[in-house]
Amino acid sequence: MRPDREYGHVRPPHAEELQEYARRRGVDLGREEAAELVPVLAGMMREFDTLDELPEPAAPPVSFPRRDPGRAPTAEEDPYNAFIRLCRVEGAEDGPLAGLTAAVKDSIAVAGVPMTNASRMQPTLVPTEDAVAVERILAAGATIVGKTNLEDMAMGGGEGSVYGPALNPKNPAYSTGGSSTGSAAAVASGAVDFALGADEAGSIRIPSSWSGIVGMKATHGLVPSYGLTYFDHTLDHIGPMTRDVATNARVLQALVGPDWRDPQWRRSVPVVDDYEAGIGRGVEGLRFAVVDEAVEWSSDDVRECFERACDALRDAGATIEHVSVPLWQSAWPIENGLLTFSMRAMIDSAGAGYFHRGRIDPQALSTYSAQYRTSPRLVPVLTQLNLLAAEHLRDHYHGAHYAKAQNLRIELTRQLDEATADGRVLLTPTTTTVATELSTERHSFVEVISRIGGTSVLNTCPTDLSGHPSLSVPSGTGANDLPVGLQLIGGDSSEATLYAAGAVIEAAGTDSTIDETRA
């Protein structure tokens, strides 16, 4: 029951409340005028009484209800700080993922297991519904053994979790990258066979690149996002993170397909393919193109690894051209222009988001509403900065930047459609540098953001904006013996082709050893 409800009905506003509501919107509403509006609003509230009297549609029952919600790990159990919670949810006895262990980013709902979003905000949500992606991996036979660390409310570059940063298994002095930090560490260290991450600006592919694993951000809408802590329904993606291409394809196969609960906006209906079948077919006759803008701002060591991976594709029979995507290097300002405003809308809607036709989890909405109402000072600093920026831009520039960002997004998408036409696969470094060193000193979140900046997302955010599928595969080691990733980008629903090319690069060989003394 809502806190402002009494005796089963929606209380109409008082005249003084109407004056305050109007004042917030810059309207000077006199007391007499407000009093005249009270009965009008009371009539409107009766419609909400009727809405309240209608039965709440039931959520689907939870499959595999035998669940151990678990506990926080010890340092000995979790040397890389990959996990927020160890738990156990066993899926089907048989299926394509039977025998595989999985970890789930702690911004993706697992029913009965507390979900923190790596935030101090209270109360903590204990989901009563599984995310669709979780339902599907359980139905395919996987066993979930933990919820993984991430940035505070999934915002940041690798050092923002209230549980402390996940450590890179390749070198614990370095970051795994944000925001699916723990998912990458859990996979790279061998703690699990695969993990689910989420990607709005690169949060699957960046940690995959920096940790030397494989990460897929599929075509937008191919994997339902219901059950995720959302950012923007046009940017949200859930995807698999694995140690090899074949397992990644197998997990993606279990995740894909439409679901009636999904809130994602799609420009077209993604086509489901046989992803594992594509792995062995090679790249003979396939056309590839290097995105020049993505390479030119990458560090020398990253470029060297990138060129060697391109040589491996040529040796396997691929043709590689060069292509320009003029808005590539403007993608982050474009996405920032969208996120600054959409984040406010997401918080105003208590995490549900507006303007979609998917299901809303009423328990999650109630919990997030309580968090924002009772813990405003605990909202992550980066979120607060975006909310302040949105307020300033709205008051002084009337939302013009949001409109321009959206229109530029459409143009960037058109440029990427043209670049990937006729089955052409684009090649870029996943990130412009290797992993950044973790600070040995305690910094405020603002200092961390100022130190790291937004450089890690430069080559990943373009396809979050456009929705094109993007696969990061290891392509060698760069400075400080840290992993380097190569990103393959295709047209909509071309995941099978990306896996075929990724398998060729994988077969060319990369160094994937970890510090065994910490495992």
Protein backbone atom coordinates (compact mmCIF):
# COMPACT_ATOMS: atom_id res chain seq x y z
CA MET A 1 0.00 0.00 0.00
CA ARG A 2 1.34 3.43 -0.88
CA PRO A 3 2.32 5.57 2.13
CA ASP A 4 -0.05 8.45 1.17
CA ARG A 5 -3.09 6.17 0.94
CA GLU A 6 -5.67 6.08 3.70
CA TYR A 7 -8.60 3.69 4.04
CA GLY A 8 -8.03 2.20 0.59
CA HIS A 9 -8.34 5.37 -1.48
CA VAL A 10 -6.00 7.92 -3.04
CA ARG A 11 -6.01 11.10 -0.98
CA PRO A 12 -6.72 14.22 -3.05
CA PRO A 13 -4.16 17.03 -2.70
CA HIS A 14 -4.75 19.99 -0.38
CA ALA A 15 -4.69 23.54 -1.76
CA GLU A 16 -1.32 24.18 -0.11
CA GLU A 17 0.13 21.10 -1.78
CA LEU A 18 -1.11 22.25 -5.18
CA GLN A 19 0.56 25.60 -4.62
CA GLU A 20 3.83 23.84 -3.80
CA TYR A 21 3.57 21.52 -6.82
CA ALA A 22 2.93 24.52 -9.06
CA ARG A 23 5.81 26.44 -7.49
CA ARG A 24 8.19 23.59 -8.39
CA ARG A 25 7.13 24.03 -12.00
CA GLY A 26 7.65 27.77 -11.95
CA VAL A 27 3.94 28.63 -11.69
CA ASP A 28 2.60 31.08 -9.11
CA LEU A 29 -0.74 29.56 -8.12
CA GLY A 30 -2.86 31.72 -5.83
CA ARG A 31 -4.64 30.21 -2.82
CA GLU A 32 -8.14 30.84 -4.20
CA GLU A 33 -7.22 29.32 -7.57
CA ALA A 34 -5.65 26.35 -5.82
CA ALA A 35 -8.78 25.87 -3.72
CA GLU A 36 -10.91 25.84 -6.88
CA LEU A 37 -8.70 23.09 -8.33
CA VAL A 38 -9.00 20.80 -5.29
CA PRO A 39 -12.38 19.27 -6.28
CA VAL A 40 -11.18 18.91 -9.87
CA LEU A 41 -8.14 16.94 -8.71
CA ALA A 42 -10.34 14.95 -6.34
CA GLY A 43 -12.34 13.80 -9.35
CA MET A 44 -9.16 12.82 -11.14
CA MET A 45 -8.00 10.85 -8.10
CA ARG A 46 -11.20 8.77 -8.23
CA GLU A 47 -9.91 7.34 -11.50
CA PHE A 48 -6.86 6.18 -9.58
CA ASP A 49 -9.17 4.64 -6.97
CA THR A 50 -10.65 2.57 -9.79
CA LEU A 51 -7.16 1.64 -10.97
CA ASP A 52 -6.26 0.53 -7.44
CA GLU A 53 -9.33 -1.70 -7.26
CA LEU A 54 -8.28 -3.68 -10.33
CA PRO A 55 -6.32 -6.86 -9.54
CA GLU A 56 -2.55 -6.72 -10.08
CA PRO A 57 -1.61 -9.09 -12.94
CA ALA A 58 0.35 -11.99 -11.52
CA ALA A 59 4.03 -12.35 -12.28
CA PRO A 60 5.15 -15.64 -13.81
CA PRO A 61 6.06 -18.21 -11.14
CA VAL A 62 9.74 -18.57 -10.30
CA SER A 63 11.27 -21.63 -11.88
CA PHE A 64 13.74 -23.73 -9.90
CA PRO A 65 12.56 -22.42 -6.51
CA ARG A 66 15.15 -24.27 -4.40
CA ARG A 67 17.57 -21.45 -3.77
CA ASP A 68 20.30 -20.69 -1.28
CA PRO A 69 20.56 -16.88 -1.04
CA GLY A 70 24.05 -17.31 0.34
CA ARG A 71 26.39 -14.88 2.04
CA ALA A 72 29.31 -12.54 1.50
CA PRO A 73 32.51 -14.35 0.51
CA THR A 74 35.66 -14.44 2.58
CA ALA A 75 38.88 -12.99 1.19
CA GLU A 76 40.24 -16.51 0.83
CA GLU A 77 37.21 -17.57 -1.22
CA ASP A 78 37.32 -14.44 -3.37
CA PRO A 79 40.91 -13.15 -3.79
CA TYR A 80 39.97 -10.80 -6.65
CA ASN A 81 36.94 -9.24 -4.92
CA ALA A 82 34.83 -10.47 -7.82
CA PHE A 83 31.75 -11.36 -5.77
CA ILE A 84 29.37 -9.41 -3.58
CA ARG A 85 27.55 -12.60 -2.59
CA LEU A 86 28.06 -16.31 -3.01
CA CYS A 87 24.77 -18.13 -3.56
CA ARG A 88 23.50 -21.26 -5.25
CA VAL A 89 20.61 -21.65 -7.67
CA GLU A 90 20.62 -24.90 -9.62
CA GLY A 91 18.97 -24.95 -13.02
CA ALA A 92 17.63 -27.78 -15.14
CA GLU A 93 19.39 -31.14 -14.95
CA ASP A 94 19.80 -31.23 -18.72
CA GLY A 95 20.34 -28.55 -21.32
CA PRO A 96 23.00 -26.83 -23.40
CA LEU A 97 24.50 -25.14 -20.32
CA ALA A 98 24.29 -28.16 -18.01
CA GLY A 99 27.42 -28.50 -15.93
CA LEU A 100 28.41 -24.84 -16.32
CA THR A 101 28.68 -22.47 -13.36
CA ALA A 102 27.51 -18.90 -13.77
CA ALA A 103 27.86 -15.58 -11.99
CA VAL A 104 25.38 -12.74 -12.42
CA LYS A 105 26.16 -9.04 -12.21
CA ASP A 106 24.48 -7.64 -9.11
CA SER A 107 22.31 -5.33 -11.17
CA ILE A 108 20.47 -8.30 -12.74
CA ALA A 109 17.70 -9.87 -10.66
CA VAL A 110 17.93 -13.38 -9.22
CA ALA A 111 14.76 -14.11 -7.23
CA GLY A 112 15.37 -14.60 -3.52
CA VAL A 113 18.94 -13.28 -3.64
CA PRO A 114 19.54 -9.70 -2.37
CA MET A 115 20.53 -7.28 -5.14
CA THR A 116 22.64 -4.34 -4.01
CA ASN A 117 23.76 -2.68 -7.26
CA ALA A 118 26.99 -2.19 -5.24
CA SER A 119 25.29 0.77 -3.58
CA ARG A 120 24.74 1.93 -0.01
CA MET A 121 21.16 2.92 -0.80
CA GLN A 122 18.54 1.29 1.41
CA PRO A 123 16.37 -0.74 1.58
CA THR A 124 18.11 -3.48 -0.40
CA LEU A 125 15.95 -5.08 -3.05
CA VAL A 126 15.33 -8.82 -2.68
CA PRO A 127 13.77 -9.64 -6.06
CA THR A 128 10.72 -11.88 -6.25
CA GLU A 129 11.18 -12.37 -10.00
CA ASP A 130 14.12 -13.55 -12.06
CA ALA A 131 15.45 -11.46 -14.91
CA VAL A 132 14.53 -13.07 -18.21
CA ALA A 133 18.23 -13.73 -18.86
CA VAL A 134 18.48 -15.53 -15.51
CA GLU A 135 15.38 -17.61 -16.27
CA ARG A 136 16.94 -18.67 -19.54
CA ILE A 137 20.35 -19.74 -18.30
CA LEU A 138 18.70 -21.76 -15.52
CA ALA A 139 16.34 -23.40 -17.99
CA ALA A 140 19.39 -24.26 -20.10
CA GLY A 141 21.00 -26.08 -17.16
CA ALA A 142 23.45 -23.57 -15.66
CA THR A 143 24.04 -23.27 -11.92
CA ILE A 144 24.32 -19.74 -10.51
CA VAL A 145 26.97 -19.56 -7.79
CA GLY A 146 27.30 -15.84 -7.13
CA LYS A 147 26.34 -12.20 -7.67
CA THR A 148 29.26 -10.14 -8.91
CA ASN A 149 30.79 -6.82 -7.99
CA LEU A 150 30.21 -3.71 -10.10
CA GLU A 151 30.44 0.05 -9.96
CA ASP A 152 28.04 1.87 -7.62
CA MET A 153 24.70 1.65 -9.48
CA ALA A 154 26.71 0.48 -12.52
CA MET A 155 28.29 3.88 -13.11
CA GLY A 156 32.05 4.32 -13.25
CA GLY A 157 35.36 3.15 -14.60
CA GLY A 158 36.36 0.35 -12.23
CA GLU A 159 36.96 1.86 -8.79
CA GLY A 160 33.51 2.98 -7.66
CA SER A 161 32.02 -0.04 -5.89
CA VAL A 162 31.13 0.41 -2.23
CA TYR A 163 32.62 -3.07 -1.74
CA GLY A 164 35.96 -1.96 -3.14
CA PRO A 165 37.23 -2.53 -6.68
CA ALA A 166 37.42 -5.91 -8.34
CA LEU A 167 41.05 -6.83 -9.00
CA ASN A 168 42.29 -7.81 -12.42
CA PRO A 169 43.34 -11.49 -12.39
CA LYS A 170 46.03 -10.70 -14.98
CA ASN A 171 47.62 -8.28 -12.51
CA PRO A 172 45.78 -7.40 -9.28
CA ALA A 173 47.33 -3.92 -9.22
CA TYR A 174 45.17 -3.02 -12.21
CA SER A 175 41.48 -2.44 -12.83
CA THR A 176 39.16 -4.82 -14.63
CA GLY A 177 37.30 -1.83 -16.07
CA GLY A 178 33.71 -0.79 -15.49
CA SER A 179 31.08 -1.45 -14.86
CA SER A 180 30.83 -5.28 -14.99
CA THR A 181 34.01 -5.46 -12.94
CA GLY A 182 33.33 -8.57 -10.90
CA SER A 183 31.84 -10.51 -13.80
CA ALA A 184 35.12 -10.11 -15.68
CA ALA A 185 37.24 -11.01 -12.66
CA ALA A 186 35.13 -14.08 -11.88
CA VAL A 187 35.49 -15.40 -15.43
CA ALA A 188 39.14 -14.48 -15.96
CA SER A 189 40.19 -16.08 -12.66
CA GLY A 190 38.37 -19.32 -13.44
CA ALA A 191 35.91 -18.94 -10.55
CA VAL A 192 32.99 -19.54 -12.94
CA ASP A 193 32.52 -20.77 -16.48
CA PHE A 194 30.62 -17.67 -17.58
CA ALA A 195 29.04 -14.52 -16.25
CA LEU A 196 26.26 -12.19 -17.24
CA GLY A 197 27.18 -8.53 -17.61
CA ALA A 198 25.30 -5.44 -18.72
CA ASP A 199 26.43 -2.86 -21.26
CA GLU A 200 25.19 0.69 -21.81
CA ALA A 201 28.46 2.34 -22.87
CA GLY A 202 30.82 -0.63 -22.96
CA SER A 203 30.39 -2.31 -19.59
CA ILE A 204 30.64 -5.86 -20.97
CA ARG A 205 33.34 -5.24 -23.56
CA ILE A 206 35.67 -2.95 -21.58
CA PRO A 207 36.14 -5.40 -18.67
CA SER A 208 36.42 -8.25 -21.17
CA SER A 209 39.19 -6.44 -23.03
CA TRP A 210 41.09 -5.44 -19.90
CA SER A 211 40.78 -8.91 -18.34
CA GLY A 212 41.61 -10.97 -21.43
CA ILE A 213 38.22 -12.65 -21.91
CA VAL A 214 35.43 -12.71 -24.51
CA GLY A 215 32.43 -10.37 -24.19
CA MET A 216 29.38 -10.00 -26.42
CA LYS A 217 27.03 -7.03 -26.66
CA ALA A 218 24.45 -8.47 -29.04
CA THR A 219 22.08 -6.61 -31.35
CA HIS A 220 19.89 -4.37 -29.23
CA GLY A 221 16.73 -6.25 -28.32
CA LEU A 222 18.09 -9.73 -29.07
CA VAL A 223 18.54 -10.47 -25.33
CA PRO A 224 15.60 -9.23 -23.21
CA SER A 225 16.61 -6.76 -20.51
CA TYR A 226 13.69 -7.33 -18.11
CA GLY A 227 15.04 -7.66 -14.58
CA LEU A 228 18.01 -5.33 -15.10
CA THR A 229 18.55 -2.15 -13.12
CA TYR A 230 17.89 0.05 -16.12
CA PHE A 231 19.67 3.14 -17.42
CA ASP A 232 17.86 3.80 -20.69
CA HIS A 233 15.73 1.25 -22.52
CA THR A 234 17.31 2.27 -25.82
CA LEU A 235 20.84 1.62 -24.48
CA ASP A 236 20.52 -1.32 -22.06
CA HIS A 237 22.05 -4.66 -23.08
CA ILE A 238 22.63 -7.92 -21.15
CA GLY A 239 25.23 -10.31 -22.49
CA PRO A 240 27.66 -13.18 -21.83
CA MET A 241 31.28 -12.98 -20.66
CA THR A 242 33.40 -16.13 -21.09
CA ARG A 243 36.97 -17.36 -21.45
CA ASP A 244 36.49 -18.60 -25.01
CA VAL A 245 34.43 -17.85 -28.09
CA ALA A 246 32.62 -21.21 -28.26
CA THR A 247 31.24 -20.94 -24.73
CA ASN A 248 30.19 -17.37 -25.40
CA ALA A 249 28.21 -18.48 -28.44
CA ARG A 250 26.61 -21.30 -26.46
CA VAL A 251 25.50 -18.96 -23.67
CA LEU A 252 24.18 -16.37 -26.12
CA GLN A 253 22.12 -19.11 -27.79
CA ALA A 254 20.37 -19.70 -24.46
CA LEU A 255 19.70 -15.99 -23.90
CA VAL A 256 18.17 -14.83 -27.17
CA GLY A 257 14.62 -14.39 -28.37
CA PRO A 258 11.65 -12.13 -27.60
CA ASP A 259 9.83 -11.95 -24.27
CA TRP A 260 6.55 -10.20 -23.51
CA ARG A 261 8.02 -8.46 -20.45
CA ASP A 262 10.89 -6.82 -22.33
CA PRO A 263 10.90 -2.98 -22.18
CA GLN A 264 13.55 -2.47 -24.88
CA TRP A 265 12.86 -0.27 -27.85
CA ARG A 266 13.85 -1.90 -31.13
CA ARG A 267 14.30 -0.41 -34.57
CA SER A 268 13.79 -3.89 -36.05
CA VAL A 269 13.06 -7.38 -34.72
CA PRO A 270 16.43 -9.15 -34.24
CA VAL A 271 16.82 -12.50 -35.97
CA VAL A 272 17.90 -15.51 -33.90
CA ASP A 273 20.65 -17.58 -35.53
CA ASP A 274 22.71 -20.71 -34.77
CA TYR A 275 25.74 -19.09 -33.17
CA GLU A 276 27.83 -22.16 -32.43
CA ALA A 277 27.48 -23.37 -36.01
CA GLY A 278 29.24 -20.25 -37.24
CA ILE A 279 32.40 -20.80 -35.25
CA GLY A 280 34.06 -23.36 -37.47
CA ARG A 281 33.27 -21.83 -40.82
CA GLY A 282 36.23 -19.44 -40.92
CA VAL A 283 36.47 -16.08 -42.65
CA GLU A 284 37.38 -17.05 -46.21
CA GLY A 285 35.73 -14.52 -48.50
CA LEU A 286 34.38 -12.29 -45.72
CA ARG A 287 34.87 -8.54 -46.01
CA PHE A 288 36.29 -6.60 -43.10
CA ALA A 289 37.04 -2.92 -42.62
CA VAL A 290 39.19 -1.12 -40.07
CA VAL A 291 37.47 1.94 -38.58
CA ASP A 292 40.25 4.49 -38.92
CA GLU A 293 38.89 6.86 -36.27
CA ALA A 294 38.92 4.04 -33.68
CA VAL A 295 42.57 3.18 -34.33
CA GLU A 296 44.09 6.65 -34.56
CA TRP A 297 43.48 7.56 -30.92
CA SER A 298 44.59 4.18 -29.54
CA SER A 299 47.95 3.74 -27.81
CA ASP A 300 50.92 2.26 -29.68
CA ASP A 301 50.82 -1.08 -27.86
CA VAL A 302 47.10 -1.47 -28.53
CA ARG A 303 47.62 -0.67 -32.21
CA GLU A 304 50.39 -3.28 -32.48
CA CYS A 305 48.14 -6.01 -31.07
CA PHE A 306 45.34 -4.85 -33.33
CA GLU A 307 47.51 -5.11 -36.44
CA ARG A 308 48.67 -8.61 -35.52
CA ALA A 309 45.06 -9.73 -35.12
CA CYS A 310 44.20 -8.21 -38.50
CA ASP A 311 47.11 -10.16 -40.00
CA ALA A 312 45.63 -13.36 -38.55
CA LEU A 313 42.36 -12.62 -40.34
CA ARG A 314 44.19 -11.95 -43.61
CA ASP A 315 46.11 -15.20 -43.25
CA ALA A 316 42.77 -17.00 -42.85
CA GLY A 317 41.50 -15.58 -46.15
CA ALA A 318 39.76 -12.38 -45.13
CA THR A 319 39.83 -9.16 -47.12
CA ILE A 320 40.41 -6.06 -44.98
CA GLU A 321 39.67 -2.53 -46.14
CA HIS A 322 39.54 0.80 -44.34
CA VAL A 323 36.43 2.82 -43.61
CA SER A 324 35.65 6.17 -42.03
CA VAL A 325 32.79 6.65 -39.56
CA PRO A 326 32.82 10.45 -39.21
CA LEU A 327 30.85 10.61 -35.95
CA TRP A 328 32.82 7.81 -34.25
CA GLN A 329 34.94 10.14 -32.14
CA SER A 330 31.88 12.18 -31.17
CA ALA A 331 29.91 9.20 -29.87
CA TRP A 332 30.65 9.73 -26.18
CA PRO A 333 29.49 13.37 -26.13
CA ILE A 334 26.37 12.19 -27.98
CA GLU A 335 25.68 9.41 -25.48
CA ASN A 336 26.42 11.69 -22.55
CA GLY A 337 23.87 14.12 -23.96
CA LEU A 338 21.26 11.38 -23.89
CA LEU A 339 22.16 9.78 -20.56
CA THR A 340 22.20 13.07 -18.68
CA PHE A 341 18.50 13.49 -19.42
CA SER A 342 17.35 9.86 -19.51
CA MET A 343 18.90 9.22 -16.10
CA ARG A 344 16.64 11.85 -14.60
CA ALA A 345 13.61 10.24 -16.22
CA MET A 346 14.67 6.83 -14.91
CA ILE A 347 14.93 8.14 -11.35
CA ASP A 348 11.65 10.06 -11.66
CA SER A 349 10.02 6.75 -12.64
CA ALA A 350 11.65 4.87 -9.71
CA GLY A 351 13.80 2.82 -12.03
CA ALA A 352 11.03 1.66 -14.38
CA GLY A 353 11.50 4.09 -17.25
CA TYR A 354 8.73 5.65 -19.31
CA PHE A 355 7.37 5.09 -22.81
CA HIS A 356 7.65 1.34 -23.26
CA ARG A 357 5.23 -1.58 -23.38
CA GLY A 358 7.08 -4.05 -21.16
CA ARG A 359 6.18 -5.31 -17.70
CA ILE A 360 7.12 -3.30 -14.61
CA ASP A 361 8.06 -5.22 -11.48
CA PRO A 362 5.96 -3.48 -8.78
CA GLN A 363 8.19 -4.69 -5.94
CA ALA A 364 11.33 -3.34 -7.60
CA LEU A 365 9.59 -0.02 -8.32
CA SER A 366 8.48 0.28 -4.69
CA THR A 367 11.98 -0.50 -3.40
CA TYR A 368 13.76 1.93 -5.70
CA SER A 369 11.20 4.62 -4.90
CA ALA A 370 11.94 4.14 -1.21
CA GLN A 371 15.69 4.27 -1.87
CA TYR A 372 15.53 7.57 -3.72
CA ARG A 373 13.17 9.02 -1.11
CA THR A 374 15.00 7.91 2.04
CA SER A 375 18.64 7.82 0.87
CA PRO A 376 19.09 10.83 -1.43
CA ARG A 377 22.57 11.54 -0.08
CA LEU A 378 23.61 7.99 -0.97
CA VAL A 379 22.75 8.34 -4.64
CA PRO A 380 26.09 7.77 -6.43
CA VAL A 381 28.11 10.92 -7.01
CA LEU A 382 28.21 10.42 -10.77
CA THR A 383 24.42 10.07 -10.82
CA GLN A 384 24.08 13.23 -8.74
CA LEU A 385 26.37 15.08 -11.16
CA ASN A 386 24.20 13.98 -14.08
CA LEU A 387 21.02 15.06 -12.29
CA LEU A 388 22.51 18.47 -11.53
CA ALA A 389 23.67 18.83 -15.13
CA ALA A 390 20.22 17.87 -16.41
CA GLU A 391 18.58 20.44 -14.15
CA HIS A 392 20.95 23.16 -15.35
CA LEU A 393 20.58 22.27 -19.03
CA ARG A 394 16.81 22.05 -18.76
CA ASP A 395 16.46 25.38 -16.95
CA HIS A 396 18.81 27.34 -19.20
CA TYR A 397 18.82 25.54 -22.55
CA HIS A 398 15.35 23.93 -22.58
CA GLY A 399 16.47 20.42 -23.50
CA ALA A 400 18.02 21.45 -26.82
CA HIS A 401 21.08 19.27 -26.19
CA TYR A 402 18.95 16.15 -25.75
CA ALA A 403 17.27 16.78 -29.08
CA LYS A 404 20.59 17.34 -30.83
CA ALA A 405 22.13 14.24 -29.26
CA GLN A 406 19.20 12.10 -30.36
CA ASN A 407 19.37 13.39 -33.93
CA LEU A 408 23.14 12.87 -34.05
CA ARG A 409 22.59 9.35 -32.74
CA ILE A 410 20.37 8.63 -35.73
CA GLU A 411 23.09 9.93 -38.05
CA LEU A 412 25.77 7.82 -36.34
CA THR A 413 23.51 4.77 -36.69
CA ARG A 414 23.10 5.52 -40.40
CA GLN A 415 26.87 5.77 -40.80
CA LEU A 416 27.36 2.40 -39.09
CA ASP A 417 24.58 0.84 -41.18
CA GLU A 418 26.39 2.02 -44.29
CA ALA A 419 29.77 0.79 -43.01
CA THR A 420 28.38 -2.69 -42.23
CA ALA A 421 26.33 -3.00 -45.43
CA ASP A 422 26.63 -6.17 -47.53
CA GLY A 423 27.87 -8.22 -44.59
CA ARG A 424 31.01 -6.21 -43.92
CA VAL A 425 32.48 -6.61 -40.43
CA LEU A 426 34.15 -3.63 -38.77
CA LEU A 427 37.37 -3.96 -36.79
CA THR A 428 38.47 -1.69 -33.94
CA PRO A 429 40.50 -1.94 -30.76
CA THR A 430 37.97 -2.57 -27.99
CA THR A 431 39.62 0.01 -25.76
CA THR A 432 42.18 2.65 -26.63
CA THR A 433 44.54 1.60 -23.80
CA VAL A 434 45.24 -1.38 -21.59
CA ALA A 435 43.85 -1.48 -18.05
CA THR A 436 44.48 1.45 -15.75
CA GLU A 437 46.36 1.01 -12.49
CA LEU A 438 44.24 0.95 -9.36
CA SER A 439 44.99 3.75 -6.96
CA THR A 440 46.78 2.79 -3.75
CA GLU A 441 45.26 5.82 -2.03
CA ARG A 442 41.66 6.42 -1.09
CA HIS A 443 40.06 8.95 -3.43
CA SER A 444 36.63 10.46 -3.63
CA PHE A 445 34.53 9.24 -6.53
CA VAL A 446 34.85 12.64 -8.20
CA GLU A 447 38.66 12.34 -8.01
CA VAL A 448 38.52 8.83 -9.49
CA ILE A 449 36.37 10.01 -12.40
CA SER A 450 38.67 12.98 -12.95
CA ARG A 451 41.70 10.67 -12.96
CA ILE A 452 40.28 7.99 -15.27
CA GLY A 453 37.88 10.10 -17.32
CA GLY A 454 35.77 8.57 -20.07
CA THR A 455 38.57 7.19 -22.23
CA SER A 456 37.64 3.54 -21.74
CA VAL A 457 34.26 3.95 -23.48
CA LEU A 458 35.52 5.74 -26.59
CA ASN A 459 35.43 2.71 -28.90
CA THR A 460 32.54 0.88 -27.25
CA CYS A 461 29.80 3.47 -26.80
CA PRO A 462 29.16 4.00 -30.56
CA THR A 463 27.42 0.63 -30.90
CA ASP A 464 25.41 1.07 -27.71
CA LEU A 465 23.98 4.13 -29.42
CA SER A 466 23.37 2.34 -32.70
CA GLY A 467 22.46 -1.11 -31.39
CA HIS A 468 24.88 -2.98 -33.67
CA PRO A 469 26.28 -6.28 -32.31
CA SER A 470 29.84 -6.04 -31.00
CA LEU A 471 32.15 -8.81 -29.83
CA SER A 472 35.39 -8.27 -27.90
CA VAL A 473 38.02 -11.02 -28.16
CA PRO A 474 41.56 -11.11 -26.74
CA SER A 475 44.16 -10.04 -29.29
CA GLY A 476 47.43 -10.11 -27.37
CA THR A 477 49.17 -8.31 -24.54
CA GLY A 478 50.27 -4.71 -24.42
CA ALA A 479 52.02 -2.50 -21.89
CA ASN A 480 52.76 -4.11 -18.51
CA ASP A 481 51.82 -7.52 -20.00
CA LEU A 482 48.15 -6.57 -19.80
CA PRO A 483 45.50 -7.91 -22.19
CA VAL A 484 44.33 -6.09 -25.30
CA GLY A 485 40.98 -6.74 -26.93
CA LEU A 486 39.84 -6.47 -30.54
CA GLN A 487 36.24 -5.51 -31.27
CA LEU A 488 34.24 -6.96 -34.17
CA ILE A 489 31.11 -5.06 -35.23
CA GLY A 490 28.50 -6.29 -37.67
CA GLY A 491 25.13 -5.40 -39.05
CA ASP A 492 22.01 -6.22 -37.07
CA SER A 493 21.70 -9.94 -36.20
CA SER A 494 25.18 -10.81 -37.52
CA GLU A 495 26.39 -12.41 -34.28
CA ALA A 496 27.17 -15.75 -35.96
CA THR A 497 29.57 -14.03 -38.35
CA LEU A 498 31.25 -12.19 -35.48
CA TYR A 499 31.79 -15.47 -33.66
CA ALA A 500 33.30 -17.02 -36.79
CA ALA A 501 35.82 -14.18 -37.03
CA GLY A 502 36.42 -14.15 -33.29
CA ALA A 503 37.28 -17.85 -33.36
CA VAL A 504 39.94 -17.19 -36.02
CA ILE A 505 41.57 -14.50 -33.88
CA GLU A 506 41.33 -16.76 -30.84
CA ALA A 507 43.00 -19.63 -32.72
CA ALA A 508 45.91 -17.33 -33.63
CA GLY A 509 46.83 -17.48 -29.95
CA THR A 510 47.03 -14.99 -27.07
CA ASP A 511 48.56 -15.10 -23.63
CA SER A 512 45.77 -15.82 -21.14
CA THR A 513 47.75 -16.83 -18.04
CA ILE A 514 46.88 -15.46 -14.61
CA ASP A 515 48.70 -15.17 -11.33
CA GLU A 516 48.09 -18.70 -10.04
CA THR A 517 49.32 -17.81 -6.56
CA ARG A 518 46.15 -15.77 -5.98
CA ALA A 519 43.64 -18.16 -7.56
